[in-house]
Amino acid sequence: MKNTFLIATIAILAFASCKKDYTCACNANYTVPSFATVDSSFNIQYKEKKKTAESKCQSNETESKVDFGGISYTYKVTCSLKD
């Protein structure tokens, strides 16, 4: 009985710590005043533990204002991990 419990515990721990495939879904938004807003999206695949995948996914997020040729535009990327 003790051996069965030990084997079951080891199996549960082994599966819990496995790396899995996670998809990081990101949306990029460019807003150029008086012109247009452009939305796009992209996915990034991670084979990691969930906590690591979440951290890597969130590291893709950014927001900035860019001045190009006298025109300012806003660039923003938001990301979230899909289960």
C-alpha atoms as a PDB file:
ATOM      1  CA  MET A   1       0.000   0.000   0.000  1.00  0.00           C
ATOM      2  CA  LYS A   2       2.838   2.395   0.834  1.00  0.00           C
ATOM      3  CA  ASN A   3       4.519   1.624  -2.486  1.00  0.00           C
ATOM      4  CA  THR A   4       1.328   2.397  -4.411  1.00  0.00           C
ATOM      5  CA  PHE A   5       0.941   5.723  -2.611  1.00  0.00           C
ATOM      6  CA  LEU A   6       4.586   6.596  -3.248  1.00  0.00           C
ATOM      7  CA  ILE A   7       4.351   5.752  -6.952  1.00  0.00           C
ATOM      8  CA  ALA A   8       1.139   7.760  -7.324  1.00  0.00           C
ATOM      9  CA  THR A   9       2.698  10.765  -5.583  1.00  0.00           C
ATOM     10  CA  ILE A  10       5.782  10.650  -7.798  1.00  0.00           C
ATOM     11  CA  ALA A  11       3.623  10.380 -10.926  1.00  0.00           C
ATOM     12  CA  ILE A  12       1.518  13.394  -9.922  1.00  0.00           C
ATOM     13  CA  LEU A  13       4.607  15.492  -9.203  1.00  0.00           C
ATOM     14  CA  ALA A  14       6.211  14.462 -12.479  1.00  0.00           C
ATOM     15  CA  PHE A  15       3.175  15.514 -14.518  1.00  0.00           C
ATOM     16  CA  ALA A  16       2.725  18.773 -12.594  1.00  0.00           C
ATOM     17  CA  SER A  17       6.240  19.953 -13.377  1.00  0.00           C
ATOM     18  CA  CYS A  18       6.204  19.039 -17.082  1.00  0.00           C
ATOM     19  CA  LYS A  19       6.673  21.645 -19.737  1.00  0.00           C
ATOM     20  CA  LYS A  20       3.603  22.153 -21.881  1.00  0.00           C
ATOM     21  CA  ASP A  21       2.769  24.099 -25.021  1.00  0.00           C
ATOM     22  CA  TYR A  22       1.289  27.516 -24.314  1.00  0.00           C
ATOM     23  CA  THR A  23       0.140  30.140 -26.768  1.00  0.00           C
ATOM     24  CA  CYS A  24       0.808  33.792 -26.096  1.00  0.00           C
ATOM     25  CA  ALA A  25      -1.778  35.884 -27.969  1.00  0.00           C
ATOM     26  CA  CYS A  26      -0.685  39.459 -28.674  1.00  0.00           C
ATOM     27  CA  ASN A  27      -2.495  42.401 -30.211  1.00  0.00           C
ATOM     28  CA  ALA A  28      -0.566  45.277 -31.737  1.00  0.00           C
ATOM     29  CA  ASN A  29      -2.190  48.645 -32.255  1.00  0.00           C
ATOM     30  CA  TYR A  30      -0.735  51.579 -34.176  1.00  0.00           C
ATOM     31  CA  THR A  31      -2.590  54.875 -34.011  1.00  0.00           C
ATOM     32  CA  VAL A  32      -1.547  57.697 -36.331  1.00  0.00           C
ATOM     33  CA  PRO A  33      -3.627  60.829 -35.665  1.00  0.00           C
ATOM     34  CA  SER A  34      -5.571  62.079 -38.700  1.00  0.00           C
ATOM     35  CA  PHE A  35      -4.698  58.942 -40.619  1.00  0.00           C
ATOM     36  CA  ALA A  36      -5.677  55.512 -39.340  1.00  0.00           C
ATOM     37  CA  THR A  37      -5.548  52.950 -36.627  1.00  0.00           C
ATOM     38  CA  VAL A  38      -4.009  49.623 -37.561  1.00  0.00           C
ATOM     39  CA  ASP A  39      -4.687  46.526 -35.494  1.00  0.00           C
ATOM     40  CA  SER A  40      -2.844  43.268 -35.922  1.00  0.00           C
ATOM     41  CA  SER A  41      -2.367  40.158 -33.857  1.00  0.00           C
ATOM     42  CA  PHE A  42       0.205  37.428 -33.562  1.00  0.00           C
ATOM     43  CA  ASN A  43       0.778  34.294 -31.524  1.00  0.00           C
ATOM     44  CA  ILE A  44       3.971  33.014 -29.952  1.00  0.00           C
ATOM     45  CA  GLN A  45       4.353  29.394 -28.861  1.00  0.00           C
ATOM     46  CA  TYR A  46       6.217  28.523 -25.679  1.00  0.00           C
ATOM     47  CA  LYS A  47       7.067  25.068 -24.409  1.00  0.00           C
ATOM     48  CA  GLU A  48       7.618  25.989 -20.779  1.00  0.00           C
ATOM     49  CA  LYS A  49       6.169  25.663 -17.343  1.00  0.00           C
ATOM     50  CA  LYS A  50       3.099  27.886 -17.034  1.00  0.00           C
ATOM     51  CA  LYS A  51       4.733  30.478 -14.774  1.00  0.00           C
ATOM     52  CA  THR A  52       7.702  30.870 -17.135  1.00  0.00           C
ATOM     53  CA  ALA A  53       5.438  31.054 -20.191  1.00  0.00           C
ATOM     54  CA  GLU A  54       3.333  33.782 -18.529  1.00  0.00           C
ATOM     55  CA  SER A  55       6.444  35.791 -17.726  1.00  0.00           C
ATOM     56  CA  LYS A  56       7.816  35.486 -21.264  1.00  0.00           C
ATOM     57  CA  CYS A  57       4.432  36.352 -22.739  1.00  0.00           C
ATOM     58  CA  GLN A  58       4.092  39.510 -20.657  1.00  0.00           C
ATOM     59  CA  SER A  59       7.625  40.575 -21.577  1.00  0.00           C
ATOM     60  CA  ASN A  60       6.354  41.128 -25.156  1.00  0.00           C
ATOM     61  CA  GLU A  61       4.077  43.948 -24.014  1.00  0.00           C
ATOM     62  CA  THR A  62       5.142  47.474 -24.885  1.00  0.00           C
ATOM     63  CA  GLU A  63       3.766  50.945 -25.374  1.00  0.00           C
ATOM     64  CA  SER A  64       5.533  53.892 -26.905  1.00  0.00           C
ATOM     65  CA  LYS A  65       5.000  57.124 -28.755  1.00  0.00           C
ATOM     66  CA  VAL A  66       7.066  57.639 -31.869  1.00  0.00           C
ATOM     67  CA  ASP A  67       7.696  60.868 -33.754  1.00  0.00           C
ATOM     68  CA  PHE A  68       8.374  60.179 -37.396  1.00  0.00           C
ATOM     69  CA  GLY A  69       8.702  63.006 -39.874  1.00  0.00           C
ATOM     70  CA  GLY A  70       6.715  65.398 -37.698  1.00  0.00           C
ATOM     71  CA  ILE A  71       3.899  62.884 -37.222  1.00  0.00           C
ATOM     72  CA  SER A  72       3.497  61.284 -33.816  1.00  0.00           C
ATOM     73  CA  TYR A  73       1.938  57.905 -33.479  1.00  0.00           C
ATOM     74  CA  THR A  74       1.280  55.501 -30.645  1.00  0.00           C
ATOM     75  CA  TYR A  75       2.410  51.885 -30.743  1.00  0.00           C
ATOM     76  CA  LYS A  76       1.002  49.442 -28.181  1.00  0.00           C
ATOM     77  CA  VAL A  77       1.277  45.668 -27.820  1.00  0.00           C
ATOM     78  CA  THR A  78      -0.765  43.758 -25.247  1.00  0.00           C
ATOM     79  CA  CYS A  79      -0.350  40.026 -24.655  1.00  0.00           C
ATOM     80  CA  SER A  80      -2.009  37.295 -22.636  1.00  0.00           C
ATOM     81  CA  LEU A  81      -1.439  33.587 -22.266  1.00  0.00           C
ATOM     82  CA  LYS A  82      -4.131  31.311 -23.669  1.00  0.00           C
ATOM     83  CA  ASP A  83      -4.766  28.011 -21.896  1.00  0.00           C
END
